[in-house]
N, C-alpha and C. Protein backbone atom coordinates (compact mmCIF):
# COMPACT_ATOMS: atom_id res chain seq x y z
N MET A 1 -0.62 -19.57 4.65
CA MET A 1 -1.35 -19.09 3.51
C MET A 1 -0.49 -19.33 2.27
N LEU A 2 -1.05 -19.93 1.27
CA LEU A 2 -0.33 -20.20 0.04
C LEU A 2 -1.14 -19.63 -1.11
N ASP A 3 -0.53 -18.76 -1.87
CA ASP A 3 -1.18 -18.18 -3.04
C ASP A 3 -0.40 -18.56 -4.28
N GLN A 4 -1.13 -18.91 -5.31
CA GLN A 4 -0.52 -19.20 -6.59
C GLN A 4 -0.97 -18.12 -7.56
N LEU A 5 -0.02 -17.36 -8.07
CA LEU A 5 -0.31 -16.27 -8.99
C LEU A 5 0.19 -16.64 -10.37
N ILE A 6 -0.62 -16.35 -11.38
CA ILE A 6 -0.21 -16.55 -12.76
C ILE A 6 0.01 -15.18 -13.38
N VAL A 7 1.22 -14.93 -13.84
CA VAL A 7 1.59 -13.64 -14.42
C VAL A 7 1.73 -13.82 -15.92
N ARG A 8 1.00 -12.99 -16.66
CA ARG A 8 1.08 -13.01 -18.12
C ARG A 8 1.55 -11.64 -18.59
N ALA A 9 2.59 -11.62 -19.41
CA ALA A 9 3.11 -10.37 -19.95
C ALA A 9 3.09 -10.46 -21.47
N ASP A 10 2.42 -9.50 -22.12
CA ASP A 10 2.36 -9.43 -23.57
C ASP A 10 3.21 -8.25 -24.01
N PHE A 11 4.23 -8.50 -24.82
CA PHE A 11 5.18 -7.47 -25.21
C PHE A 11 4.85 -6.81 -26.54
N ASN A 12 3.67 -7.09 -27.12
CA ASN A 12 3.19 -6.48 -28.37
C ASN A 12 4.11 -6.72 -29.57
N ASN A 13 4.94 -7.73 -29.49
CA ASN A 13 5.76 -8.11 -30.65
C ASN A 13 5.63 -9.60 -30.93
N GLY A 14 4.53 -10.17 -30.45
CA GLY A 14 4.30 -11.59 -30.64
C GLY A 14 4.83 -12.46 -29.52
N VAL A 15 5.50 -11.87 -28.56
CA VAL A 15 6.07 -12.62 -27.45
C VAL A 15 5.18 -12.46 -26.23
N THR A 16 4.75 -13.57 -25.68
CA THR A 16 3.96 -13.57 -24.45
C THR A 16 4.66 -14.45 -23.44
N LEU A 17 4.86 -13.93 -22.25
CA LEU A 17 5.53 -14.65 -21.19
C LEU A 17 4.50 -15.01 -20.12
N VAL A 18 4.44 -16.29 -19.75
CA VAL A 18 3.53 -16.76 -18.72
C VAL A 18 4.36 -17.43 -17.63
N THR A 19 4.20 -16.97 -16.40
CA THR A 19 4.96 -17.50 -15.27
C THR A 19 4.02 -17.73 -14.09
N THR A 20 4.25 -18.79 -13.36
CA THR A 20 3.47 -19.08 -12.16
C THR A 20 4.34 -18.83 -10.94
N LEU A 21 3.82 -18.06 -9.99
CA LEU A 21 4.54 -17.75 -8.76
C LEU A 21 3.79 -18.36 -7.58
N ASN A 22 4.50 -19.09 -6.75
CA ASN A 22 3.94 -19.62 -5.52
C ASN A 22 4.47 -18.79 -4.36
N ILE A 23 3.57 -18.15 -3.64
CA ILE A 23 3.96 -17.24 -2.57
C ILE A 23 3.39 -17.75 -1.25
N THR A 24 4.25 -17.86 -0.26
CA THR A 24 3.80 -18.23 1.08
C THR A 24 4.27 -17.17 2.06
N PHE A 25 3.34 -16.61 2.79
CA PHE A 25 3.71 -15.66 3.82
C PHE A 25 2.54 -15.49 4.78
N GLN A 26 2.87 -15.05 5.96
CA GLN A 26 1.87 -14.72 6.96
C GLN A 26 2.26 -13.39 7.58
N VAL A 27 1.27 -12.58 7.82
CA VAL A 27 1.52 -11.29 8.44
C VAL A 27 0.93 -11.34 9.84
N ILE A 28 1.77 -11.12 10.82
CA ILE A 28 1.32 -11.09 12.22
C ILE A 28 1.67 -9.71 12.77
N PRO A 29 0.67 -8.87 13.00
CA PRO A 29 0.98 -7.53 13.52
C PRO A 29 1.56 -7.63 14.93
N GLU A 30 2.56 -6.80 15.17
CA GLU A 30 3.20 -6.81 16.48
C GLU A 30 2.29 -6.22 17.54
N SER A 31 1.57 -5.17 17.17
CA SER A 31 0.64 -4.57 18.11
C SER A 31 -0.36 -3.73 17.32
N MET A 32 -1.38 -3.32 17.99
CA MET A 32 -2.39 -2.47 17.34
C MET A 32 -1.80 -1.11 17.01
N VAL A 33 -0.80 -0.68 17.74
CA VAL A 33 -0.17 0.62 17.49
C VAL A 33 0.44 0.65 16.10
N GLY A 34 1.01 -0.46 15.67
CA GLY A 34 1.61 -0.53 14.35
C GLY A 34 0.60 -0.35 13.24
N ALA A 35 -0.64 -0.74 13.47
CA ALA A 35 -1.68 -0.58 12.46
C ALA A 35 -2.30 0.81 12.50
N VAL A 36 -2.38 1.41 13.68
CA VAL A 36 -3.04 2.70 13.84
C VAL A 36 -2.11 3.87 13.52
N ALA A 37 -0.82 3.71 13.72
CA ALA A 37 0.14 4.81 13.56
C ALA A 37 0.12 5.45 12.17
N PRO A 38 0.12 4.69 11.06
CA PRO A 38 0.09 5.35 9.74
C PRO A 38 -1.20 6.14 9.50
N VAL A 39 -2.31 5.63 9.98
CA VAL A 39 -3.58 6.34 9.82
C VAL A 39 -3.56 7.62 10.64
N ALA A 40 -3.07 7.55 11.86
CA ALA A 40 -3.01 8.73 12.72
C ALA A 40 -2.05 9.78 12.15
N ALA A 41 -0.95 9.35 11.57
CA ALA A 41 0.01 10.29 10.99
C ALA A 41 -0.61 11.02 9.80
N GLY A 42 -1.32 10.31 8.96
CA GLY A 42 -1.98 10.94 7.82
C GLY A 42 -3.05 11.91 8.26
N LEU A 43 -3.82 11.53 9.25
CA LEU A 43 -4.87 12.40 9.77
C LEU A 43 -4.27 13.65 10.42
N ALA A 44 -3.20 13.49 11.17
CA ALA A 44 -2.54 14.64 11.80
C ALA A 44 -1.98 15.60 10.74
N ALA A 45 -1.43 15.07 9.67
CA ALA A 45 -0.91 15.92 8.60
C ALA A 45 -2.04 16.70 7.94
N PHE A 46 -3.16 16.06 7.71
CA PHE A 46 -4.31 16.73 7.11
C PHE A 46 -4.85 17.84 8.01
N ILE A 47 -4.99 17.55 9.30
CA ILE A 47 -5.49 18.55 10.25
C ILE A 47 -4.51 19.71 10.35
N GLY A 48 -3.21 19.42 10.39
CA GLY A 48 -2.21 20.48 10.44
C GLY A 48 -2.25 21.35 9.20
N TYR A 49 -2.43 20.75 8.05
CA TYR A 49 -2.52 21.51 6.80
C TYR A 49 -3.72 22.44 6.82
N ARG A 50 -4.86 21.93 7.25
CA ARG A 50 -6.08 22.76 7.30
C ARG A 50 -5.92 23.90 8.30
N TYR A 51 -5.31 23.62 9.44
CA TYR A 51 -5.12 24.64 10.47
C TYR A 51 -4.23 25.76 9.95
N TYR A 52 -3.07 25.41 9.40
CA TYR A 52 -2.14 26.44 8.92
C TYR A 52 -2.64 27.11 7.66
N SER A 53 -3.45 26.42 6.88
CA SER A 53 -4.02 27.03 5.68
C SER A 53 -5.01 28.13 6.06
N ARG A 54 -5.84 27.85 7.05
CA ARG A 54 -6.81 28.86 7.51
C ARG A 54 -6.12 30.01 8.22
N LYS A 55 -5.06 29.70 8.97
CA LYS A 55 -4.34 30.72 9.72
C LYS A 55 -3.64 31.70 8.79
N SER A 56 -3.14 31.23 7.66
CA SER A 56 -2.41 32.11 6.75
C SER A 56 -3.35 32.99 5.91
N LYS A 57 -4.64 32.64 5.84
CA LYS A 57 -5.60 33.44 5.06
C LYS A 57 -6.04 34.69 5.82
N ARG A 58 -5.81 34.73 7.10
CA ARG A 58 -6.27 35.87 7.91
C ARG A 58 -5.38 37.04 7.78
């Protein structure tokens, strides 16, 4: 995969910088666990927060 990005920066003093970046990379997941783990961790934190939040109100 090859992406060409054009970056333009305007510094509000009359100076504008334009740069082209060529980026090549491929992402190959090692396993499905690597993709699911961050989602599961966030969901577990949310469920734990709700559980302890309700428990402390009693």
